[in-house]
Amino acid sequence: MSSYQFTVQVAPRYLPEQSAPDKHVFSFAYTVTVTNSGTVPAQLIARHWVITDSNGHVEEVKGLGVVGHQPLLQPGESFQYSSGSRLRSASGTMQGSYFCVADDGERFEAAIPVFHLVASESAPPGRLLH
């Protein structure tokens, strides 16, 4: 196990009540759980998302923290938050990374593996664990 490691779990879901397919607006929510699976305390400082719809439109989102927080996580501790995204098509993907700094000053990146956004009212909620 690396001393510096965050594990990321994402559970996306389609929001039909906030979507307008006839206007090419597809809304999604996702819940992210970030766990410090390393051996030293570390803080999530910034995020970088790459959002791609099925038409090939790519949007990059960068910013400090997540939903207004820069959580400091002890080894084994988790932080969970929910956010959302809109696509111009009924499906797409998201992936990215978190920039983190450990208590000892070591900087590291935590990957957010690709997960799928699919607009389907009858589909069960999607989830991807990493």
N, C-alpha and C. Protein backbone atom coordinates (compact mmCIF):
# COMPACT_ATOMS: atom_id res chain seq x y z
N MET A 1 0.85 -1.18 0.00
CA MET A 1 0.00 0.00 0.00
C MET A 1 0.89 1.24 0.00
N SER A 2 0.55 2.18 -0.84
CA SER A 2 1.28 3.44 -0.90
C SER A 2 0.96 4.29 0.32
N SER A 3 1.94 5.05 0.77
CA SER A 3 1.71 5.97 1.88
C SER A 3 0.72 7.05 1.50
N TYR A 4 0.71 7.39 0.19
CA TYR A 4 -0.11 8.49 -0.32
C TYR A 4 -1.11 7.93 -1.32
N GLN A 5 -2.34 7.70 -0.86
CA GLN A 5 -3.32 7.11 -1.77
C GLN A 5 -4.74 7.43 -1.33
N PHE A 6 -5.50 7.97 -2.24
CA PHE A 6 -6.94 8.14 -2.05
C PHE A 6 -7.65 7.18 -2.99
N THR A 7 -8.69 6.53 -2.49
CA THR A 7 -9.53 5.66 -3.30
C THR A 7 -10.84 6.41 -3.55
N VAL A 8 -11.31 6.36 -4.80
CA VAL A 8 -12.50 7.12 -5.19
C VAL A 8 -13.59 6.18 -5.67
N GLN A 9 -14.80 6.34 -5.12
CA GLN A 9 -15.99 5.59 -5.55
C GLN A 9 -17.01 6.60 -6.04
N VAL A 10 -17.65 6.30 -7.18
CA VAL A 10 -18.64 7.21 -7.76
C VAL A 10 -19.92 6.45 -8.08
N ALA A 11 -21.06 7.04 -7.70
CA ALA A 11 -22.37 6.47 -8.01
C ALA A 11 -23.18 7.52 -8.76
N PRO A 12 -23.27 7.41 -10.11
CA PRO A 12 -24.03 8.39 -10.89
C PRO A 12 -25.49 7.98 -11.04
N ARG A 13 -26.35 8.97 -11.30
CA ARG A 13 -27.75 8.66 -11.62
C ARG A 13 -28.32 9.76 -12.52
N TYR A 14 -29.25 9.34 -13.36
CA TYR A 14 -29.92 10.25 -14.29
C TYR A 14 -31.03 11.00 -13.56
N LEU A 15 -31.22 12.27 -13.90
CA LEU A 15 -32.25 13.10 -13.29
C LEU A 15 -33.27 13.51 -14.35
N PRO A 16 -34.25 12.64 -14.63
CA PRO A 16 -35.21 12.96 -15.69
C PRO A 16 -36.02 14.22 -15.41
N GLU A 17 -36.29 14.51 -14.14
CA GLU A 17 -37.09 15.68 -13.78
C GLU A 17 -36.36 16.99 -14.04
N GLN A 18 -35.04 16.94 -14.20
CA GLN A 18 -34.25 18.15 -14.49
C GLN A 18 -33.70 18.14 -15.91
N SER A 19 -34.19 17.20 -16.72
CA SER A 19 -33.72 17.06 -18.09
C SER A 19 -34.79 17.51 -19.08
N ALA A 20 -34.35 17.86 -20.27
CA ALA A 20 -35.24 18.24 -21.37
C ALA A 20 -34.66 17.63 -22.65
N PRO A 21 -34.92 16.33 -22.87
CA PRO A 21 -34.33 15.65 -24.03
C PRO A 21 -34.62 16.35 -25.37
N ASP A 22 -35.82 16.94 -25.49
CA ASP A 22 -36.16 17.63 -26.74
C ASP A 22 -35.28 18.87 -26.97
N LYS A 23 -34.65 19.37 -25.92
CA LYS A 23 -33.74 20.52 -26.01
C LYS A 23 -32.28 20.10 -25.83
N HIS A 24 -32.04 18.80 -25.87
CA HIS A 24 -30.69 18.24 -25.72
C HIS A 24 -30.06 18.61 -24.38
N VAL A 25 -30.86 18.51 -23.33
CA VAL A 25 -30.37 18.75 -21.97
C VAL A 25 -30.62 17.48 -21.15
N PHE A 26 -29.54 16.86 -20.71
CA PHE A 26 -29.62 15.64 -19.92
C PHE A 26 -28.84 15.87 -18.62
N SER A 27 -29.56 15.82 -17.51
CA SER A 27 -28.97 16.14 -16.21
C SER A 27 -28.67 14.86 -15.42
N PHE A 28 -27.55 14.90 -14.75
CA PHE A 28 -27.09 13.76 -13.95
C PHE A 28 -26.60 14.25 -12.60
N ALA A 29 -26.78 13.41 -11.60
CA ALA A 29 -26.19 13.65 -10.28
C ALA A 29 -25.20 12.52 -10.04
N TYR A 30 -24.24 12.78 -9.20
CA TYR A 30 -23.31 11.72 -8.82
C TYR A 30 -22.87 11.95 -7.39
N THR A 31 -22.71 10.85 -6.68
CA THR A 31 -22.21 10.90 -5.31
C THR A 31 -20.81 10.29 -5.32
N VAL A 32 -19.88 11.04 -4.76
CA VAL A 32 -18.48 10.62 -4.73
C VAL A 32 -18.07 10.36 -3.28
N THR A 33 -17.41 9.24 -3.07
CA THR A 33 -16.81 8.94 -1.78
C THR A 33 -15.30 8.84 -1.97
N VAL A 34 -14.58 9.70 -1.27
CA VAL A 34 -13.12 9.73 -1.33
C VAL A 34 -12.61 9.19 0.00
N THR A 35 -11.79 8.15 -0.06
CA THR A 35 -11.26 7.52 1.14
C THR A 35 -9.73 7.60 1.14
N ASN A 36 -9.17 8.00 2.26
CA ASN A 36 -7.72 8.00 2.39
C ASN A 36 -7.30 6.56 2.69
N SER A 37 -6.86 5.87 1.65
CA SER A 37 -6.43 4.48 1.80
C SER A 37 -4.91 4.38 1.97
N GLY A 38 -4.27 5.52 2.17
CA GLY A 38 -2.84 5.55 2.44
C GLY A 38 -2.56 5.45 3.93
N THR A 39 -1.34 5.78 4.29
CA THR A 39 -0.93 5.64 5.69
C THR A 39 -0.63 6.97 6.38
N VAL A 40 -0.80 8.09 5.66
CA VAL A 40 -0.57 9.40 6.26
C VAL A 40 -1.77 10.30 5.99
N PRO A 41 -2.07 11.23 6.92
CA PRO A 41 -3.15 12.19 6.67
C PRO A 41 -2.86 12.99 5.41
N ALA A 42 -3.91 13.32 4.65
CA ALA A 42 -3.73 14.10 3.43
C ALA A 42 -4.98 14.92 3.16
N GLN A 43 -4.78 16.02 2.45
CA GLN A 43 -5.87 16.95 2.15
C GLN A 43 -6.13 17.00 0.65
N LEU A 44 -7.41 16.96 0.30
CA LEU A 44 -7.82 17.13 -1.09
C LEU A 44 -7.84 18.64 -1.36
N ILE A 45 -7.02 19.09 -2.30
CA ILE A 45 -6.85 20.52 -2.54
C ILE A 45 -7.65 21.00 -3.76
N ALA A 46 -7.61 20.23 -4.85
CA ALA A 46 -8.25 20.69 -6.09
C ALA A 46 -8.77 19.50 -6.89
N ARG A 47 -9.60 19.81 -7.89
CA ARG A 47 -10.20 18.78 -8.73
C ARG A 47 -9.99 19.13 -10.20
N HIS A 48 -10.01 18.09 -11.03
CA HIS A 48 -9.96 18.24 -12.48
C HIS A 48 -10.86 17.16 -13.07
N TRP A 49 -11.93 17.59 -13.73
CA TRP A 49 -12.87 16.67 -14.36
C TRP A 49 -12.77 16.80 -15.88
N VAL A 50 -12.92 15.69 -16.58
CA VAL A 50 -13.05 15.68 -18.03
C VAL A 50 -14.40 15.01 -18.32
N ILE A 51 -15.31 15.80 -18.89
CA ILE A 51 -16.68 15.35 -19.15
C ILE A 51 -16.85 15.27 -20.67
N THR A 52 -17.23 14.09 -21.16
CA THR A 52 -17.36 13.87 -22.60
C THR A 52 -18.74 13.31 -22.90
N ASP A 53 -19.47 13.96 -23.83
CA ASP A 53 -20.77 13.41 -24.21
C ASP A 53 -20.60 12.50 -25.43
N SER A 54 -21.68 11.80 -25.82
CA SER A 54 -21.57 10.83 -26.91
C SER A 54 -21.40 11.49 -28.27
N ASN A 55 -21.54 12.81 -28.34
CA ASN A 55 -21.28 13.55 -29.58
C ASN A 55 -19.81 13.95 -29.70
N GLY A 56 -19.02 13.63 -28.68
CA GLY A 56 -17.61 13.98 -28.71
C GLY A 56 -17.28 15.34 -28.11
N HIS A 57 -18.30 16.04 -27.60
CA HIS A 57 -18.06 17.34 -26.95
C HIS A 57 -17.36 17.09 -25.61
N VAL A 58 -16.22 17.74 -25.41
CA VAL A 58 -15.44 17.57 -24.18
C VAL A 58 -15.42 18.87 -23.40
N GLU A 59 -15.69 18.76 -22.11
CA GLU A 59 -15.62 19.92 -21.22
C GLU A 59 -14.69 19.57 -20.07
N GLU A 60 -13.76 20.46 -19.77
CA GLU A 60 -12.87 20.27 -18.63
C GLU A 60 -13.25 21.25 -17.53
N VAL A 61 -13.31 20.75 -16.31
CA VAL A 61 -13.65 21.57 -15.16
C VAL A 61 -12.53 21.44 -14.14
N LYS A 62 -11.95 22.58 -13.76
CA LYS A 62 -10.89 22.60 -12.76
C LYS A 62 -11.28 23.58 -11.67
N GLY A 63 -10.92 23.27 -10.44
CA GLY A 63 -11.22 24.20 -9.36
C GLY A 63 -10.66 23.72 -8.04
N LEU A 64 -10.70 24.62 -7.07
CA LEU A 64 -10.24 24.28 -5.73
C LEU A 64 -11.29 23.47 -5.00
N GLY A 65 -10.86 22.46 -4.28
CA GLY A 65 -11.74 21.68 -3.43
C GLY A 65 -12.87 20.99 -4.17
N VAL A 66 -13.82 20.52 -3.37
CA VAL A 66 -15.04 19.89 -3.89
C VAL A 66 -16.21 20.44 -3.09
N VAL A 67 -17.22 20.91 -3.76
CA VAL A 67 -18.42 21.53 -3.16
C VAL A 67 -18.07 22.45 -1.98
N GLY A 68 -17.06 23.28 -2.19
CA GLY A 68 -16.68 24.26 -1.17
C GLY A 68 -15.81 23.74 -0.05
N HIS A 69 -15.36 22.50 -0.15
CA HIS A 69 -14.55 21.90 0.92
C HIS A 69 -13.19 21.45 0.38
N GLN A 70 -12.21 21.48 1.25
CA GLN A 70 -10.89 20.89 1.00
C GLN A 70 -10.61 19.95 2.18
N PRO A 71 -11.28 18.78 2.17
CA PRO A 71 -11.22 17.92 3.35
C PRO A 71 -9.83 17.35 3.64
N LEU A 72 -9.48 17.36 4.92
CA LEU A 72 -8.27 16.71 5.42
C LEU A 72 -8.70 15.35 5.94
N LEU A 73 -8.18 14.29 5.33
CA LEU A 73 -8.60 12.94 5.68
C LEU A 73 -7.49 12.18 6.38
N GLN A 74 -7.82 11.64 7.53
CA GLN A 74 -6.90 10.76 8.25
C GLN A 74 -6.89 9.40 7.54
N PRO A 75 -5.87 8.58 7.72
CA PRO A 75 -5.87 7.25 7.11
C PRO A 75 -7.15 6.49 7.49
N GLY A 76 -7.81 5.94 6.48
CA GLY A 76 -9.06 5.20 6.69
C GLY A 76 -10.30 6.06 6.71
N GLU A 77 -10.16 7.37 6.77
CA GLU A 77 -11.30 8.28 6.82
C GLU A 77 -11.82 8.57 5.41
N SER A 78 -13.15 8.80 5.31
CA SER A 78 -13.79 9.10 4.03
C SER A 78 -14.50 10.43 4.07
N PHE A 79 -14.68 11.01 2.89
CA PHE A 79 -15.46 12.24 2.69
C PHE A 79 -16.39 11.96 1.52
N GLN A 80 -17.68 12.26 1.71
CA GLN A 80 -18.67 12.01 0.66
C GLN A 80 -19.36 13.31 0.28
N TYR A 81 -19.58 13.49 -1.02
CA TYR A 81 -20.31 14.67 -1.49
C TYR A 81 -21.09 14.32 -2.75
N SER A 82 -22.06 15.16 -3.05
CA SER A 82 -22.86 14.99 -4.26
C SER A 82 -22.76 16.24 -5.11
N SER A 83 -22.78 16.04 -6.40
CA SER A 83 -22.74 17.15 -7.35
C SER A 83 -23.49 16.72 -8.60
N GLY A 84 -23.38 17.50 -9.66
CA GLY A 84 -24.10 17.17 -10.87
C GLY A 84 -23.42 17.68 -12.12
N SER A 85 -23.94 17.21 -13.25
CA SER A 85 -23.41 17.59 -14.54
C SER A 85 -24.53 17.51 -15.57
N ARG A 86 -24.42 18.32 -16.61
CA ARG A 86 -25.37 18.27 -17.72
C ARG A 86 -24.63 17.92 -19.00
N LEU A 87 -25.26 17.07 -19.79
CA LEU A 87 -24.72 16.70 -21.09
C LEU A 87 -25.66 17.18 -22.18
N ARG A 88 -25.13 17.27 -23.41
CA ARG A 88 -25.94 17.61 -24.58
C ARG A 88 -26.45 16.36 -25.29
N SER A 89 -26.09 15.20 -24.78
CA SER A 89 -26.53 13.93 -25.34
C SER A 89 -26.98 13.02 -24.20
N ALA A 90 -27.62 11.90 -24.57
CA ALA A 90 -28.21 11.01 -23.57
C ALA A 90 -27.19 10.15 -22.84
N SER A 91 -25.94 10.20 -23.27
CA SER A 91 -24.92 9.42 -22.57
C SER A 91 -23.56 10.10 -22.71
N GLY A 92 -22.67 9.69 -21.83
CA GLY A 92 -21.32 10.24 -21.84
C GLY A 92 -20.50 9.63 -20.73
N THR A 93 -19.34 10.22 -20.52
CA THR A 93 -18.45 9.72 -19.48
C THR A 93 -17.87 10.89 -18.69
N MET A 94 -17.43 10.57 -17.50
CA MET A 94 -16.67 11.52 -16.68
C MET A 94 -15.47 10.78 -16.12
N GLN A 95 -14.40 11.52 -15.96
CA GLN A 95 -13.19 11.00 -15.33
C GLN A 95 -12.37 12.19 -14.88
N GLY A 96 -11.32 11.93 -14.15
CA GLY A 96 -10.52 13.07 -13.72
C GLY A 96 -9.53 12.70 -12.65
N SER A 97 -9.23 13.71 -11.81
CA SER A 97 -8.28 13.49 -10.73
C SER A 97 -8.44 14.55 -9.65
N TYR A 98 -7.95 14.20 -8.48
CA TYR A 98 -7.88 15.14 -7.36
C TYR A 98 -6.40 15.40 -7.08
N PHE A 99 -6.07 16.65 -6.82
CA PHE A 99 -4.72 17.03 -6.42
C PHE A 99 -4.73 17.06 -4.89
N CYS A 100 -3.79 16.36 -4.29
CA CYS A 100 -3.78 16.20 -2.83
C CYS A 100 -2.40 16.53 -2.27
N VAL A 101 -2.39 16.90 -0.99
CA VAL A 101 -1.14 17.17 -0.29
C VAL A 101 -1.19 16.44 1.05
N ALA A 102 -0.17 15.62 1.30
CA ALA A 102 -0.08 14.88 2.56
C ALA A 102 0.44 15.80 3.66
N ASP A 103 0.22 15.40 4.91
CA ASP A 103 0.69 16.17 6.07
C ASP A 103 2.19 16.46 6.04
N ASP A 104 2.95 15.56 5.44
CA ASP A 104 4.40 15.75 5.39
C ASP A 104 4.84 16.62 4.20
N GLY A 105 3.85 17.17 3.46
CA GLY A 105 4.16 18.05 2.34
C GLY A 105 4.22 17.37 0.99
N GLU A 106 4.21 16.04 0.97
CA GLU A 106 4.25 15.30 -0.30
C GLU A 106 2.97 15.56 -1.10
N ARG A 107 3.15 15.87 -2.38
CA ARG A 107 2.00 16.12 -3.27
C ARG A 107 1.75 14.86 -4.09
N PHE A 108 0.47 14.55 -4.30
CA PHE A 108 0.14 13.39 -5.12
C PHE A 108 -1.21 13.61 -5.79
N GLU A 109 -1.44 12.81 -6.82
CA GLU A 109 -2.68 12.89 -7.57
C GLU A 109 -3.48 11.62 -7.35
N ALA A 110 -4.78 11.76 -7.14
CA ALA A 110 -5.67 10.62 -6.98
C ALA A 110 -6.56 10.54 -8.22
N ALA A 111 -6.45 9.45 -8.96
CA ALA A 111 -7.21 9.29 -10.20
C ALA A 111 -8.69 9.02 -9.90
N ILE A 112 -9.54 9.62 -10.73
CA ILE A 112 -10.97 9.30 -10.73
C ILE A 112 -11.20 8.54 -12.02
N PRO A 113 -11.28 7.20 -11.95
CA PRO A 113 -11.44 6.41 -13.17
C PRO A 113 -12.74 6.75 -13.90
N VAL A 114 -12.76 6.48 -15.19
CA VAL A 114 -13.92 6.81 -16.01
C VAL A 114 -15.18 6.11 -15.48
N PHE A 115 -16.28 6.85 -15.47
CA PHE A 115 -17.59 6.26 -15.18
C PHE A 115 -18.58 6.80 -16.20
N HIS A 116 -19.67 6.05 -16.40
CA HIS A 116 -20.62 6.34 -17.46
C HIS A 116 -21.87 7.05 -16.95
N LEU A 117 -22.34 7.99 -17.74
CA LEU A 117 -23.60 8.68 -17.50
C LEU A 117 -24.54 8.24 -18.61
N VAL A 118 -25.68 7.65 -18.23
CA VAL A 118 -26.63 7.14 -19.22
C VAL A 118 -28.03 7.58 -18.83
N ALA A 119 -28.70 8.27 -19.76
CA ALA A 119 -30.07 8.75 -19.51
C ALA A 119 -31.04 7.62 -19.78
N SER A 120 -31.55 7.04 -18.72
CA SER A 120 -32.54 5.99 -18.84
C SER A 120 -33.37 5.98 -17.57
N GLU A 121 -34.66 6.25 -17.73
CA GLU A 121 -35.53 6.29 -16.55
C GLU A 121 -35.75 4.91 -15.97
N SER A 122 -35.58 3.87 -16.79
CA SER A 122 -35.84 2.52 -16.29
C SER A 122 -34.57 1.81 -15.83
N ALA A 123 -33.42 2.39 -16.11
CA ALA A 123 -32.16 1.74 -15.72
C ALA A 123 -31.93 1.88 -14.22
N PRO A 124 -31.36 0.87 -13.60
CA PRO A 124 -31.03 0.99 -12.18
C PRO A 124 -29.91 2.00 -12.01
N PRO A 125 -29.79 2.59 -10.82
CA PRO A 125 -28.71 3.55 -10.60
C PRO A 125 -27.36 2.90 -10.90
N GLY A 126 -26.51 3.62 -11.62
CA GLY A 126 -25.20 3.08 -11.96
C GLY A 126 -24.24 3.26 -10.81
N ARG A 127 -23.22 2.43 -10.78
CA ARG A 127 -22.19 2.63 -9.78
C ARG A 127 -20.88 2.06 -10.29
N LEU A 128 -19.83 2.63 -9.82
CA LEU A 128 -18.51 2.17 -10.18
C LEU A 128 -17.64 2.32 -8.95
N LEU A 129 -17.02 1.25 -8.56
CA LEU A 129 -16.18 1.28 -7.37
C LEU A 129 -14.73 1.13 -7.77
N HIS A 130 -13.89 2.00 -7.25
CA HIS A 130 -12.44 1.93 -7.51
C HIS A 130 -11.70 2.24 -6.24
